[in-house]
């Protein structure tokens, strides 16, 4: 908690001042209860930037396992709410920890494209976000960021209305997760132009960590 508060003290004025950050709809992020925020991904800075824009809510997030390779890195990242994930490997431990975060009534942010989009177009999602979105009692909030791919912004972050998953029919978990992902993608596609990005279409194909 101490590291998180210190991070906020540093990041808030930096994001709002130097990066000219502005946020749209922060009040749509519940101040308590299990919450899953799902966002597009343009820069390695996206997790802390979206996190600070969601204040006063504290967010937990996945970070690529390579960043936890040293004790210092693990200490810092753990202190600000991050935990490791083996990208593209169907990391069951990361999903298990994500479930624990949500079941503890905390807020988790995910970037399910798995890597940054260099074109600004939304990429296909890995399945984890869809699985977690179907967890009982979880509020799913779509989000979009734009400008983080530039050195000095300006940064814009928008949070959308909660996405209702309650009417997804019972059935195979993979089919239900795919429908949940589709709904999230639709919502994020609508938000990206709001923050200054190009018009979007629902991404097709399989998710990949390849850079394009």
C-alpha atoms as a PDB file:
ATOM      1  CA  UNK A   1       0.000   0.000   0.000  1.00  0.00           C
ATOM      2  CA  UNK A   2       2.870   2.404   0.775  1.00  0.00           C
ATOM      3  CA  UNK A   3       4.425   1.909  -2.661  1.00  0.00           C
ATOM      4  CA  UNK A   4       1.039   2.324  -4.315  1.00  0.00           C
ATOM      5  CA  UNK A   5       0.426   5.625  -2.529  1.00  0.00           C
ATOM      6  CA  UNK A   6       3.911   6.819  -3.434  1.00  0.00           C
ATOM      7  CA  UNK A   7       3.278   5.851  -7.048  1.00  0.00           C
ATOM      8  CA  UNK A   8       0.044   7.825  -7.063  1.00  0.00           C
ATOM      9  CA  UNK A   9       1.796  10.906  -5.660  1.00  0.00           C
ATOM     10  CA  UNK A  10       4.308  10.725  -8.519  1.00  0.00           C
ATOM     11  CA  UNK A  11       2.085   9.577 -11.369  1.00  0.00           C
ATOM     12  CA  UNK A  12      -0.961  11.771 -10.826  1.00  0.00           C
ATOM     13  CA  UNK A  13       0.774  15.162 -11.385  1.00  0.00           C
ATOM     14  CA  UNK A  14       2.997  13.660 -14.117  1.00  0.00           C
ATOM     15  CA  UNK A  15       0.031  12.222 -16.007  1.00  0.00           C
ATOM     16  CA  UNK A  16      -2.213  15.233 -15.601  1.00  0.00           C
ATOM     17  CA  UNK A  17       0.562  17.777 -16.164  1.00  0.00           C
ATOM     18  CA  UNK A  18       3.438  16.585 -18.342  1.00  0.00           C
ATOM     19  CA  UNK A  19       1.347  14.102 -20.333  1.00  0.00           C
ATOM     20  CA  UNK A  20      -1.724  16.387 -20.330  1.00  0.00           C
ATOM     21  CA  UNK A  21      -3.894  13.453 -19.273  1.00  0.00           C
ATOM     22  CA  UNK A  22      -7.662  13.734 -19.201  1.00  0.00           C
ATOM     23  CA  UNK A  23     -10.207  11.130 -18.223  1.00  0.00           C
ATOM     24  CA  UNK A  24     -13.764  10.503 -19.299  1.00  0.00           C
ATOM     25  CA  UNK A  25     -16.253   8.679 -17.126  1.00  0.00           C
ATOM     26  CA  UNK A  26     -14.119   7.786 -14.089  1.00  0.00           C
ATOM     27  CA  UNK A  27     -17.319   7.648 -12.051  1.00  0.00           C
ATOM     28  CA  UNK A  28     -18.331   4.549 -14.019  1.00  0.00           C
ATOM     29  CA  UNK A  29     -15.653   2.558 -12.197  1.00  0.00           C
ATOM     30  CA  UNK A  30     -17.265   1.228  -9.007  1.00  0.00           C
ATOM     31  CA  UNK A  31     -15.547   2.413  -5.860  1.00  0.00           C
ATOM     32  CA  UNK A  32     -15.879  -1.027  -4.296  1.00  0.00           C
ATOM     33  CA  UNK A  33     -16.677  -4.617  -5.189  1.00  0.00           C
ATOM     34  CA  UNK A  34     -15.266  -7.059  -7.727  1.00  0.00           C
ATOM     35  CA  UNK A  35     -14.510  -5.074 -10.870  1.00  0.00           C
ATOM     36  CA  UNK A  36     -12.845  -6.091 -14.123  1.00  0.00           C
ATOM     37  CA  UNK A  37     -11.625  -3.228 -16.306  1.00  0.00           C
ATOM     38  CA  UNK A  38     -10.686  -4.281 -19.834  1.00  0.00           C
ATOM     39  CA  UNK A  39      -8.696  -1.901 -22.056  1.00  0.00           C
ATOM     40  CA  UNK A  40      -6.902  -1.665 -25.396  1.00  0.00           C
ATOM     41  CA  UNK A  41      -3.094  -1.628 -25.305  1.00  0.00           C
ATOM     42  CA  UNK A  42      -0.722   0.857 -26.964  1.00  0.00           C
ATOM     43  CA  UNK A  43       2.228   1.298 -24.594  1.00  0.00           C
ATOM     44  CA  UNK A  44       4.081  -0.337 -21.711  1.00  0.00           C
ATOM     45  CA  UNK A  45       2.893   2.630 -19.646  1.00  0.00           C
ATOM     46  CA  UNK A  46      -0.780   1.760 -20.097  1.00  0.00           C
ATOM     47  CA  UNK A  47      -1.268  -0.138 -16.796  1.00  0.00           C
ATOM     48  CA  UNK A  48      -0.081   2.688 -14.506  1.00  0.00           C
ATOM     49  CA  UNK A  49      -1.694   5.368 -16.683  1.00  0.00           C
ATOM     50  CA  UNK A  50      -5.104   3.726 -16.730  1.00  0.00           C
ATOM     51  CA  UNK A  51      -4.676   2.893 -13.060  1.00  0.00           C
ATOM     52  CA  UNK A  52      -4.063   6.484 -12.047  1.00  0.00           C
ATOM     53  CA  UNK A  53      -6.965   7.646 -14.214  1.00  0.00           C
ATOM     54  CA  UNK A  54      -9.263   5.264 -12.312  1.00  0.00           C
ATOM     55  CA  UNK A  55      -8.538   6.861  -8.944  1.00  0.00           C
ATOM     56  CA  UNK A  56      -9.689   6.660  -6.219  1.00  0.00           C
ATOM     57  CA  UNK A  57      -9.985   2.937  -7.034  1.00  0.00           C
ATOM     58  CA  UNK A  58      -6.806   0.910  -6.696  1.00  0.00           C
ATOM     59  CA  UNK A  59      -6.184  -1.445  -9.591  1.00  0.00           C
ATOM     60  CA  UNK A  60      -4.347  -4.742  -9.752  1.00  0.00           C
ATOM     61  CA  UNK A  61      -2.867  -5.840 -13.050  1.00  0.00           C
ATOM     62  CA  UNK A  62      -0.889  -8.535 -14.820  1.00  0.00           C
ATOM     63  CA  UNK A  63       2.641  -7.731 -15.980  1.00  0.00           C
ATOM     64  CA  UNK A  64       4.876  -9.848 -18.178  1.00  0.00           C
ATOM     65  CA  UNK A  65       6.892 -12.289 -16.107  1.00  0.00           C
ATOM     66  CA  UNK A  66      10.227 -10.952 -17.398  1.00  0.00           C
ATOM     67  CA  UNK A  67       9.715  -7.824 -15.282  1.00  0.00           C
ATOM     68  CA  UNK A  68       9.773  -9.955 -12.118  1.00  0.00           C
ATOM     69  CA  UNK A  69      13.195 -11.446 -12.854  1.00  0.00           C
ATOM     70  CA  UNK A  70      14.901  -9.506 -10.040  1.00  0.00           C
ATOM     71  CA  UNK A  71      14.007  -9.163  -6.368  1.00  0.00           C
ATOM     72  CA  UNK A  72      13.783  -5.408  -6.678  1.00  0.00           C
ATOM     73  CA  UNK A  73      11.481  -5.626  -9.685  1.00  0.00           C
ATOM     74  CA  UNK A  74       9.258  -8.132  -7.909  1.00  0.00           C
ATOM     75  CA  UNK A  75       9.146  -5.958  -4.791  1.00  0.00           C
ATOM     76  CA  UNK A  76       8.211  -2.779  -6.672  1.00  0.00           C
ATOM     77  CA  UNK A  77       5.658  -4.383  -8.970  1.00  0.00           C
ATOM     78  CA  UNK A  78       4.086  -6.378  -6.174  1.00  0.00           C
ATOM     79  CA  UNK A  79       3.846  -3.236  -4.081  1.00  0.00           C
ATOM     80  CA  UNK A  80       1.833  -1.405  -6.731  1.00  0.00           C
ATOM     81  CA  UNK A  81      -0.573  -4.280  -7.305  1.00  0.00           C
ATOM     82  CA  UNK A  82       1.022  -6.206 -10.185  1.00  0.00           C
ATOM     83  CA  UNK A  83       1.507  -9.952 -10.537  1.00  0.00           C
ATOM     84  CA  UNK A  84       3.334 -11.960 -13.221  1.00  0.00           C
ATOM     85  CA  UNK A  85       1.867 -13.650 -16.285  1.00  0.00           C
ATOM     86  CA  UNK A  86       3.454 -15.862 -18.912  1.00  0.00           C
ATOM     87  CA  UNK A  87       2.028 -14.188 -21.978  1.00  0.00           C
ATOM     88  CA  UNK A  88       0.420 -16.409 -24.584  1.00  0.00           C
ATOM     89  CA  UNK A  89       0.991 -19.534 -22.528  1.00  0.00           C
ATOM     90  CA  UNK A  90      -2.444 -19.908 -20.962  1.00  0.00           C
ATOM     91  CA  UNK A  91      -0.939 -19.100 -17.571  1.00  0.00           C
ATOM     92  CA  UNK A  92      -3.277 -20.865 -15.147  1.00  0.00           C
ATOM     93  CA  UNK A  93      -1.512 -19.418 -12.109  1.00  0.00           C
ATOM     94  CA  UNK A  94      -2.125 -15.864 -13.339  1.00  0.00           C
ATOM     95  CA  UNK A  95      -5.794 -16.654 -13.996  1.00  0.00           C
ATOM     96  CA  UNK A  96      -6.084 -18.259 -10.567  1.00  0.00           C
ATOM     97  CA  UNK A  97      -4.584 -15.179  -8.927  1.00  0.00           C
ATOM     98  CA  UNK A  98      -6.895 -12.949 -10.992  1.00  0.00           C
ATOM     99  CA  UNK A  99      -9.887 -14.865  -9.670  1.00  0.00           C
ATOM    100  CA  UNK A 100      -8.636 -14.352  -6.131  1.00  0.00           C
ATOM    101  CA  UNK A 101      -8.304 -10.607  -6.721  1.00  0.00           C
ATOM    102  CA  UNK A 102     -11.903 -10.441  -7.946  1.00  0.00           C
ATOM    103  CA  UNK A 103     -13.270 -12.744  -5.247  1.00  0.00           C
ATOM    104  CA  UNK A 104     -11.657 -10.460  -2.653  1.00  0.00           C
ATOM    105  CA  UNK A 105     -13.782  -7.633  -4.060  1.00  0.00           C
ATOM    106  CA  UNK A 106     -10.856  -5.816  -5.658  1.00  0.00           C
ATOM    107  CA  UNK A 107     -10.376  -4.186  -9.051  1.00  0.00           C
ATOM    108  CA  UNK A 108      -8.422  -5.911 -11.819  1.00  0.00           C
ATOM    109  CA  UNK A 109      -7.381  -4.304 -15.112  1.00  0.00           C
ATOM    110  CA  UNK A 110      -6.596  -6.457 -18.144  1.00  0.00           C
ATOM    111  CA  UNK A 111      -5.126  -5.771 -21.577  1.00  0.00           C
ATOM    112  CA  UNK A 112      -6.260  -8.964 -23.332  1.00  0.00           C
ATOM    113  CA  UNK A 113      -4.606  -8.205 -26.672  1.00  0.00           C
ATOM    114  CA  UNK A 114      -1.498  -9.554 -24.945  1.00  0.00           C
ATOM    115  CA  UNK A 115       0.859  -7.034 -26.486  1.00  0.00           C
ATOM    116  CA  UNK A 116       0.832  -3.490 -27.821  1.00  0.00           C
ATOM    117  CA  UNK A 117      -0.962  -2.527 -30.998  1.00  0.00           C
ATOM    118  CA  UNK A 118       1.410  -0.511 -33.168  1.00  0.00           C
ATOM    119  CA  UNK A 119      -1.346   0.449 -35.609  1.00  0.00           C
ATOM    120  CA  UNK A 120      -3.838   1.582 -32.995  1.00  0.00           C
ATOM    121  CA  UNK A 121      -6.308  -1.025 -34.234  1.00  0.00           C
ATOM    122  CA  UNK A 122      -7.776  -3.360 -31.668  1.00  0.00           C
ATOM    123  CA  UNK A 123      -6.201  -6.829 -31.856  1.00  0.00           C
ATOM    124  CA  UNK A 124      -7.883 -10.193 -31.176  1.00  0.00           C
ATOM    125  CA  UNK A 125      -8.245 -10.990 -27.470  1.00  0.00           C
ATOM    126  CA  UNK A 126      -6.850 -13.891 -25.526  1.00  0.00           C
ATOM    127  CA  UNK A 127      -9.580 -15.825 -23.742  1.00  0.00           C
ATOM    128  CA  UNK A 128      -8.742 -14.969 -20.117  1.00  0.00           C
ATOM    129  CA  UNK A 129     -10.751 -11.734 -20.081  1.00  0.00           C
ATOM    130  CA  UNK A 130     -13.853 -13.554 -21.251  1.00  0.00           C
ATOM    131  CA  UNK A 131     -13.484 -16.250 -18.604  1.00  0.00           C
ATOM    132  CA  UNK A 132     -13.032 -13.721 -15.793  1.00  0.00           C
ATOM    133  CA  UNK A 133     -15.883 -11.535 -17.068  1.00  0.00           C
ATOM    134  CA  UNK A 134     -18.251 -14.432 -16.381  1.00  0.00           C
ATOM    135  CA  UNK A 135     -17.217 -14.793 -12.733  1.00  0.00           C
ATOM    136  CA  UNK A 136     -20.168 -14.352 -10.399  1.00  0.00           C
ATOM    137  CA  UNK A 137     -20.602 -10.851  -9.002  1.00  0.00           C
ATOM    138  CA  UNK A 138     -18.016  -9.190 -11.264  1.00  0.00           C
ATOM    139  CA  UNK A 139     -18.751  -5.781 -12.780  1.00  0.00           C
ATOM    140  CA  UNK A 140     -17.153  -5.513 -16.236  1.00  0.00           C
ATOM    141  CA  UNK A 141     -16.059  -2.023 -17.308  1.00  0.00           C
ATOM    142  CA  UNK A 142     -14.701  -1.363 -20.825  1.00  0.00           C
ATOM    143  CA  UNK A 143     -11.966   1.250 -21.150  1.00  0.00           C
ATOM    144  CA  UNK A 144      -9.954   2.881 -23.911  1.00  0.00           C
ATOM    145  CA  UNK A 145      -6.669   4.770 -23.910  1.00  0.00           C
ATOM    146  CA  UNK A 146      -5.095   6.935 -26.578  1.00  0.00           C
ATOM    147  CA  UNK A 147      -1.899   9.005 -26.688  1.00  0.00           C
ATOM    148  CA  UNK A 148       0.244   6.742 -24.523  1.00  0.00           C
ATOM    149  CA  UNK A 149       2.100   5.682 -27.681  1.00  0.00           C
ATOM    150  CA  UNK A 150       3.449   9.257 -27.927  1.00  0.00           C
ATOM    151  CA  UNK A 151       6.260  10.493 -25.689  1.00  0.00           C
ATOM    152  CA  UNK A 152       4.387  13.522 -24.393  1.00  0.00           C
ATOM    153  CA  UNK A 153       0.759  12.574 -24.986  1.00  0.00           C
ATOM    154  CA  UNK A 154      -1.757  14.048 -24.662  1.00  0.00           C
ATOM    155  CA  UNK A 155      -3.261  11.047 -22.882  1.00  0.00           C
ATOM    156  CA  UNK A 156      -6.974  10.350 -22.932  1.00  0.00           C
ATOM    157  CA  UNK A 157      -8.652   7.526 -21.014  1.00  0.00           C
ATOM    158  CA  UNK A 158     -12.365   6.740 -21.173  1.00  0.00           C
ATOM    159  CA  UNK A 159     -14.355   4.327 -19.049  1.00  0.00           C
ATOM    160  CA  UNK A 160     -17.607   2.932 -20.403  1.00  0.00           C
ATOM    161  CA  UNK A 161     -20.825   1.724 -18.832  1.00  0.00           C
ATOM    162  CA  UNK A 162     -20.856  -1.729 -17.214  1.00  0.00           C
ATOM    163  CA  UNK A 163     -21.373  -4.580 -19.673  1.00  0.00           C
ATOM    164  CA  UNK A 164     -24.229  -6.922 -18.832  1.00  0.00           C
ATOM    165  CA  UNK A 165     -23.184 -10.564 -19.098  1.00  0.00           C
ATOM    166  CA  UNK A 166     -26.177 -11.995 -17.224  1.00  0.00           C
ATOM    167  CA  UNK A 167     -28.112 -12.991 -20.347  1.00  0.00           C
ATOM    168  CA  UNK A 168     -25.345 -15.084 -21.908  1.00  0.00           C
ATOM    169  CA  UNK A 169     -26.927 -18.549 -22.199  1.00  0.00           C
ATOM    170  CA  UNK A 170     -25.633 -21.509 -20.255  1.00  0.00           C
ATOM    171  CA  UNK A 171     -23.350 -23.788 -22.219  1.00  0.00           C
ATOM    172  CA  UNK A 172     -19.741 -24.629 -22.861  1.00  0.00           C
ATOM    173  CA  UNK A 173     -17.352 -22.322 -21.020  1.00  0.00           C
ATOM    174  CA  UNK A 174     -15.371 -21.555 -24.189  1.00  0.00           C
ATOM    175  CA  UNK A 175     -18.516 -20.532 -26.086  1.00  0.00           C
ATOM    176  CA  UNK A 176     -19.713 -18.295 -23.253  1.00  0.00           C
ATOM    177  CA  UNK A 177     -16.251 -16.722 -22.901  1.00  0.00           C
ATOM    178  CA  UNK A 178     -16.195 -15.982 -26.629  1.00  0.00           C
ATOM    179  CA  UNK A 179     -19.515 -14.150 -26.367  1.00  0.00           C
ATOM    180  CA  UNK A 180     -18.255 -12.191 -23.355  1.00  0.00           C
ATOM    181  CA  UNK A 181     -15.146 -11.191 -25.299  1.00  0.00           C
ATOM    182  CA  UNK A 182     -17.251 -10.093 -28.257  1.00  0.00           C
ATOM    183  CA  UNK A 183     -19.335  -7.788 -26.054  1.00  0.00           C
ATOM    184  CA  UNK A 184     -16.213  -6.287 -24.512  1.00  0.00           C
ATOM    185  CA  UNK A 185     -14.625  -5.743 -27.933  1.00  0.00           C
ATOM    186  CA  UNK A 186     -17.747  -3.981 -29.211  1.00  0.00           C
ATOM    187  CA  UNK A 187     -17.715  -1.621 -26.226  1.00  0.00           C
ATOM    188  CA  UNK A 188     -14.000  -0.834 -26.536  1.00  0.00           C
ATOM    189  CA  UNK A 189     -14.331  -0.243 -30.295  1.00  0.00           C
ATOM    190  CA  UNK A 190     -16.952   2.384 -29.495  1.00  0.00           C
ATOM    191  CA  UNK A 191     -14.730   4.041 -26.874  1.00  0.00           C
ATOM    192  CA  UNK A 192     -11.464   4.311 -28.845  1.00  0.00           C
ATOM    193  CA  UNK A 193     -12.733   7.124 -31.147  1.00  0.00           C
ATOM    194  CA  UNK A 194     -14.011   8.944 -28.047  1.00  0.00           C
ATOM    195  CA  UNK A 195     -10.414   9.263 -26.780  1.00  0.00           C
ATOM    196  CA  UNK A 196      -9.029  10.328 -30.156  1.00  0.00           C
ATOM    197  CA  UNK A 197      -8.255   7.018 -31.865  1.00  0.00           C
ATOM    198  CA  UNK A 198      -9.378   5.894 -35.321  1.00  0.00           C
ATOM    199  CA  UNK A 199     -12.727   4.209 -36.004  1.00  0.00           C
ATOM    200  CA  UNK A 200     -12.539   0.527 -35.137  1.00  0.00           C
ATOM    201  CA  UNK A 201     -13.906  -2.768 -36.362  1.00  0.00           C
ATOM    202  CA  UNK A 202     -14.204  -5.971 -34.346  1.00  0.00           C
ATOM    203  CA  UNK A 203     -10.837  -7.745 -34.720  1.00  0.00           C
ATOM    204  CA  UNK A 204     -10.831 -11.056 -36.555  1.00  0.00           C
ATOM    205  CA  UNK A 205      -8.502 -14.030 -36.352  1.00  0.00           C
ATOM    206  CA  UNK A 206      -6.621 -15.655 -33.519  1.00  0.00           C
ATOM    207  CA  UNK A 207      -4.793 -13.703 -30.797  1.00  0.00           C
ATOM    208  CA  UNK A 208      -1.050 -13.425 -31.222  1.00  0.00           C
ATOM    209  CA  UNK A 209       1.982 -11.854 -29.563  1.00  0.00           C
ATOM    210  CA  UNK A 210       3.469 -11.020 -32.960  1.00  0.00           C
ATOM    211  CA  UNK A 211       4.128  -7.304 -33.411  1.00  0.00           C
ATOM    212  CA  UNK A 212       2.079  -5.632 -36.129  1.00  0.00           C
END
